[in-house]
Amino acid sequence: MQPPKDQSLFLTVFIVVCVTVILGGWLALPVHKKVVIEGAEEPAEETPSEETVKVEPAVTPEERIRQMERIIGLTEAAVAGLEKTGSQETGSKKKGSTP
């Protein structure tokens, strides 16, 4: 078999045929319908009551703000400590490196 002269046309036709076969097979599948069994009761749909709708949040916004402020304070203290030790180390390296 020799290769087609117009390969882009061949590829386009091949893709269109594949998509058509896939869509045709998909449309041939049966539609899913709800199965009704005689004598079986349908489950009652529950409507949300006021008790289930009103839920107390686990964490209040004020509590979350206090937690974040505490974490920011700890982070600032840690950064200040690192800056202090970093400046001391660079100062000692400069003193030790000079002849």
N, C-alpha and C. Protein backbone atom coordinates (compact mmCIF):
# COMPACT_ATOMS: atom_id res chain seq x y z
N MET A 1 0.85 -1.18 0.00
CA MET A 1 0.00 0.00 0.00
C MET A 1 0.89 1.23 0.00
N GLN A 2 0.61 2.13 -0.88
CA GLN A 2 1.43 3.33 -0.95
C GLN A 2 0.79 4.44 -0.12
N PRO A 3 1.59 5.38 0.40
CA PRO A 3 1.05 6.46 1.22
C PRO A 3 0.17 7.39 0.37
N PRO A 4 -0.84 7.99 1.02
CA PRO A 4 -1.72 8.90 0.28
C PRO A 4 -0.96 10.14 -0.18
N LYS A 5 -1.41 10.70 -1.29
CA LYS A 5 -0.74 11.88 -1.83
C LYS A 5 -1.02 13.11 -0.98
N ASP A 6 -2.24 13.24 -0.49
CA ASP A 6 -2.61 14.38 0.36
C ASP A 6 -2.80 13.85 1.79
N GLN A 7 -1.76 13.88 2.58
CA GLN A 7 -1.81 13.28 3.92
C GLN A 7 -2.71 14.06 4.87
N SER A 8 -2.77 15.38 4.74
CA SER A 8 -3.63 16.16 5.64
C SER A 8 -5.10 15.84 5.38
N LEU A 9 -5.47 15.65 4.11
CA LEU A 9 -6.86 15.26 3.80
C LEU A 9 -7.15 13.87 4.36
N PHE A 10 -6.21 12.96 4.22
CA PHE A 10 -6.38 11.61 4.74
C PHE A 10 -6.58 11.65 6.26
N LEU A 11 -5.75 12.44 6.95
CA LEU A 11 -5.87 12.55 8.40
C LEU A 11 -7.21 13.16 8.80
N THR A 12 -7.66 14.18 8.08
CA THR A 12 -8.94 14.82 8.38
C THR A 12 -10.09 13.83 8.20
N VAL A 13 -10.10 13.11 7.10
CA VAL A 13 -11.16 12.14 6.85
C VAL A 13 -11.12 11.03 7.89
N PHE A 14 -9.92 10.57 8.24
CA PHE A 14 -9.78 9.53 9.26
C PHE A 14 -10.37 9.98 10.60
N ILE A 15 -10.06 11.21 11.02
CA ILE A 15 -10.58 11.73 12.30
C ILE A 15 -12.09 11.89 12.25
N VAL A 16 -12.62 12.40 11.13
CA VAL A 16 -14.07 12.58 11.01
C VAL A 16 -14.78 11.23 11.07
N VAL A 17 -14.23 10.22 10.41
CA VAL A 17 -14.84 8.88 10.45
C VAL A 17 -14.80 8.32 11.87
N CYS A 18 -13.68 8.49 12.55
CA CYS A 18 -13.57 7.99 13.93
C CYS A 18 -14.57 8.67 14.85
N VAL A 19 -14.68 9.99 14.76
CA VAL A 19 -15.63 10.72 15.60
C VAL A 19 -17.05 10.31 15.28
N THR A 20 -17.36 10.10 14.01
CA THR A 20 -18.71 9.68 13.62
C THR A 20 -19.03 8.30 14.18
N VAL A 21 -18.10 7.39 14.11
CA VAL A 21 -18.32 6.04 14.65
C VAL A 21 -18.52 6.11 16.16
N ILE A 22 -17.72 6.90 16.84
CA ILE A 22 -17.83 7.00 18.30
C ILE A 22 -19.18 7.61 18.68
N LEU A 23 -19.56 8.71 18.03
CA LEU A 23 -20.85 9.34 18.35
C LEU A 23 -22.02 8.44 17.98
N GLY A 24 -21.92 7.72 16.87
CA GLY A 24 -22.98 6.79 16.49
C GLY A 24 -23.13 5.67 17.52
N GLY A 25 -22.02 5.14 17.99
CA GLY A 25 -22.08 4.11 19.02
C GLY A 25 -22.63 4.64 20.33
N TRP A 26 -22.27 5.87 20.65
CA TRP A 26 -22.76 6.49 21.87
C TRP A 26 -24.27 6.73 21.80
N LEU A 27 -24.74 7.18 20.64
CA LEU A 27 -26.18 7.41 20.48
C LEU A 27 -26.96 6.10 20.45
N ALA A 28 -26.32 5.01 20.08
CA ALA A 28 -26.99 3.72 20.04
C ALA A 28 -27.20 3.12 21.43
N LEU A 29 -26.47 3.64 22.41
CA LEU A 29 -26.64 3.12 23.77
C LEU A 29 -28.03 3.46 24.29
N PRO A 30 -28.61 2.59 25.12
CA PRO A 30 -29.95 2.89 25.65
C PRO A 30 -29.89 4.03 26.65
N VAL A 31 -30.99 4.77 26.71
CA VAL A 31 -31.09 5.87 27.65
C VAL A 31 -31.33 5.30 29.03
N HIS A 32 -30.60 5.81 30.01
CA HIS A 32 -30.76 5.32 31.37
C HIS A 32 -32.04 5.89 31.96
N LYS A 33 -32.93 5.01 32.30
CA LYS A 33 -34.20 5.43 32.88
C LYS A 33 -34.29 4.90 34.31
N LYS A 34 -35.07 5.59 35.12
CA LYS A 34 -35.28 5.15 36.48
C LYS A 34 -36.13 3.88 36.47
N VAL A 35 -35.66 2.87 37.15
CA VAL A 35 -36.36 1.60 37.19
C VAL A 35 -37.41 1.66 38.30
N VAL A 36 -38.64 1.39 37.91
CA VAL A 36 -39.73 1.40 38.87
C VAL A 36 -40.06 -0.05 39.20
N ILE A 37 -39.95 -0.40 40.47
CA ILE A 37 -40.24 -1.76 40.91
C ILE A 37 -41.59 -1.73 41.59
N GLU A 38 -42.47 -2.60 41.13
CA GLU A 38 -43.82 -2.64 41.70
C GLU A 38 -43.75 -3.11 43.14
N GLY A 39 -44.50 -2.45 44.00
CA GLY A 39 -44.57 -2.83 45.40
C GLY A 39 -43.49 -2.19 46.24
N ALA A 40 -42.52 -1.54 45.63
CA ALA A 40 -41.45 -0.90 46.39
C ALA A 40 -41.84 0.55 46.67
N GLU A 41 -41.50 0.99 47.86
CA GLU A 41 -41.80 2.36 48.24
C GLU A 41 -40.66 3.28 47.78
N GLU A 42 -41.04 4.44 47.31
CA GLU A 42 -40.03 5.42 46.94
C GLU A 42 -39.56 6.12 48.20
N PRO A 43 -38.28 6.38 48.32
CA PRO A 43 -37.79 7.09 49.50
C PRO A 43 -38.33 8.52 49.51
N ALA A 44 -38.75 8.92 50.69
CA ALA A 44 -39.29 10.27 50.83
C ALA A 44 -38.15 11.28 50.79
N GLU A 45 -38.36 12.35 50.03
CA GLU A 45 -37.34 13.39 49.96
C GLU A 45 -37.45 14.26 51.20
N GLU A 46 -36.32 14.42 51.86
CA GLU A 46 -36.31 15.22 53.07
C GLU A 46 -36.12 16.69 52.73
N THR A 47 -36.96 17.51 53.32
CA THR A 47 -36.78 18.95 53.14
C THR A 47 -35.97 19.45 54.33
N PRO A 48 -35.02 20.33 54.09
CA PRO A 48 -34.21 20.81 55.20
C PRO A 48 -35.03 21.64 56.17
N SER A 49 -34.90 21.33 57.43
CA SER A 49 -35.60 22.10 58.44
C SER A 49 -34.71 23.23 58.92
N GLU A 50 -35.25 24.09 59.75
CA GLU A 50 -34.48 25.24 60.24
C GLU A 50 -33.30 24.79 61.10
N GLU A 51 -33.46 23.67 61.80
CA GLU A 51 -32.39 23.18 62.66
C GLU A 51 -31.18 22.73 61.84
N THR A 52 -31.42 22.12 60.69
CA THR A 52 -30.31 21.63 59.89
C THR A 52 -29.66 22.74 59.08
N VAL A 53 -30.39 23.81 58.80
CA VAL A 53 -29.85 24.89 57.98
C VAL A 53 -28.93 25.79 58.81
N LYS A 54 -29.31 26.09 60.03
CA LYS A 54 -28.51 26.98 60.87
C LYS A 54 -27.43 26.16 61.58
N VAL A 55 -26.21 26.36 61.14
CA VAL A 55 -25.08 25.63 61.72
C VAL A 55 -24.11 26.65 62.28
N GLU A 56 -23.68 26.41 63.50
CA GLU A 56 -22.71 27.30 64.13
C GLU A 56 -21.33 27.04 63.53
N PRO A 57 -20.63 28.07 63.08
CA PRO A 57 -19.30 27.82 62.52
C PRO A 57 -18.35 27.28 63.58
N ALA A 58 -17.45 26.40 63.14
CA ALA A 58 -16.50 25.79 64.07
C ALA A 58 -15.54 26.83 64.64
N VAL A 59 -15.14 27.78 63.81
CA VAL A 59 -14.22 28.82 64.25
C VAL A 59 -14.82 30.16 63.84
N THR A 60 -14.90 31.07 64.78
CA THR A 60 -15.44 32.38 64.46
C THR A 60 -14.36 33.23 63.78
N PRO A 61 -14.76 34.21 63.01
CA PRO A 61 -13.77 35.06 62.35
C PRO A 61 -12.85 35.78 63.34
N GLU A 62 -13.40 36.22 64.47
CA GLU A 62 -12.57 36.91 65.46
C GLU A 62 -11.50 35.99 66.02
N GLU A 63 -11.88 34.74 66.28
CA GLU A 63 -10.92 33.77 66.80
C GLU A 63 -9.82 33.49 65.76
N ARG A 64 -10.22 33.39 64.49
CA ARG A 64 -9.26 33.14 63.43
C ARG A 64 -8.29 34.32 63.29
N ILE A 65 -8.80 35.56 63.44
CA ILE A 65 -7.94 36.74 63.36
C ILE A 65 -6.93 36.73 64.50
N ARG A 66 -7.38 36.38 65.72
CA ARG A 66 -6.46 36.32 66.86
C ARG A 66 -5.37 35.26 66.61
N GLN A 67 -5.74 34.12 66.06
CA GLN A 67 -4.77 33.08 65.76
C GLN A 67 -3.75 33.57 64.75
N MET A 68 -4.22 34.24 63.70
CA MET A 68 -3.31 34.73 62.67
C MET A 68 -2.38 35.81 63.21
N GLU A 69 -2.88 36.70 64.08
CA GLU A 69 -2.04 37.73 64.68
C GLU A 69 -0.95 37.10 65.54
N ARG A 70 -1.30 36.04 66.27
CA ARG A 70 -0.30 35.35 67.10
C ARG A 70 0.77 34.71 66.22
N ILE A 71 0.34 34.08 65.13
CA ILE A 71 1.30 33.44 64.23
C ILE A 71 2.19 34.48 63.58
N ILE A 72 1.63 35.62 63.19
CA ILE A 72 2.43 36.68 62.57
C ILE A 72 3.45 37.22 63.57
N GLY A 73 3.04 37.38 64.84
CA GLY A 73 3.97 37.83 65.87
C GLY A 73 5.13 36.86 66.06
N LEU A 74 4.82 35.57 66.11
CA LEU A 74 5.88 34.56 66.26
C LEU A 74 6.81 34.57 65.04
N THR A 75 6.25 34.75 63.87
CA THR A 75 7.06 34.78 62.65
C THR A 75 7.97 36.00 62.64
N GLU A 76 7.44 37.15 63.04
CA GLU A 76 8.26 38.37 63.09
C GLU A 76 9.41 38.21 64.08
N ALA A 77 9.14 37.58 65.23
CA ALA A 77 10.19 37.36 66.22
C ALA A 77 11.25 36.41 65.66
N ALA A 78 10.83 35.37 64.96
CA ALA A 78 11.79 34.42 64.38
C ALA A 78 12.64 35.10 63.31
N VAL A 79 12.03 35.94 62.48
CA VAL A 79 12.78 36.64 61.43
C VAL A 79 13.77 37.61 62.06
N ALA A 80 13.34 38.32 63.10
CA ALA A 80 14.25 39.25 63.77
C ALA A 80 15.43 38.50 64.37
N GLY A 81 15.18 37.34 64.98
CA GLY A 81 16.27 36.54 65.54
C GLY A 81 17.23 36.05 64.46
N LEU A 82 16.70 35.63 63.33
CA LEU A 82 17.55 35.18 62.24
C LEU A 82 18.38 36.33 61.66
N GLU A 83 17.76 37.50 61.56
CA GLU A 83 18.50 38.66 61.06
C GLU A 83 19.64 39.02 62.01
N LYS A 84 19.35 38.92 63.33
CA LYS A 84 20.35 39.26 64.33
C LYS A 84 21.53 38.28 64.25
N THR A 85 21.23 36.98 64.20
CA THR A 85 22.31 35.99 64.13
C THR A 85 23.03 36.07 62.79
N GLY A 86 22.30 36.40 61.74
CA GLY A 86 22.93 36.53 60.42
C GLY A 86 23.89 37.70 60.38
N SER A 87 23.54 38.81 61.01
CA SER A 87 24.43 39.97 61.01
C SER A 87 25.66 39.70 61.89
N GLN A 88 25.49 38.95 62.97
CA GLN A 88 26.62 38.62 63.83
C GLN A 88 27.58 37.68 63.09
N GLU A 89 27.04 36.71 62.33
CA GLU A 89 27.89 35.78 61.59
C GLU A 89 28.65 36.48 60.49
N THR A 90 28.02 37.39 59.78
CA THR A 90 28.71 38.10 58.71
C THR A 90 29.77 39.03 59.29
N GLY A 91 29.50 39.59 60.47
CA GLY A 91 30.49 40.45 61.12
C GLY A 91 31.70 39.66 61.56
N SER A 92 31.51 38.45 62.09
CA SER A 92 32.62 37.62 62.54
C SER A 92 33.41 37.08 61.35
N LYS A 93 32.75 36.81 60.25
CA LYS A 93 33.44 36.32 59.05
C LYS A 93 34.33 37.43 58.47
N LYS A 94 33.83 38.66 58.52
CA LYS A 94 34.62 39.76 57.99
C LYS A 94 35.88 39.99 58.83
N LYS A 95 35.72 39.88 60.16
CA LYS A 95 36.85 40.10 61.05
C LYS A 95 37.88 38.98 60.88
N GLY A 96 37.43 37.75 60.71
CA GLY A 96 38.34 36.62 60.61
C GLY A 96 39.01 36.53 59.25
N SER A 97 38.43 37.10 58.21
CA SER A 97 38.98 36.95 56.88
C SER A 97 40.06 37.98 56.57
N THR A 98 40.14 39.06 57.35
CA THR A 98 41.17 40.08 57.07
C THR A 98 42.51 39.63 57.65
N PRO A 99 43.64 39.83 56.94
CA PRO A 99 44.95 39.38 57.45
C PRO A 99 45.51 40.30 58.49
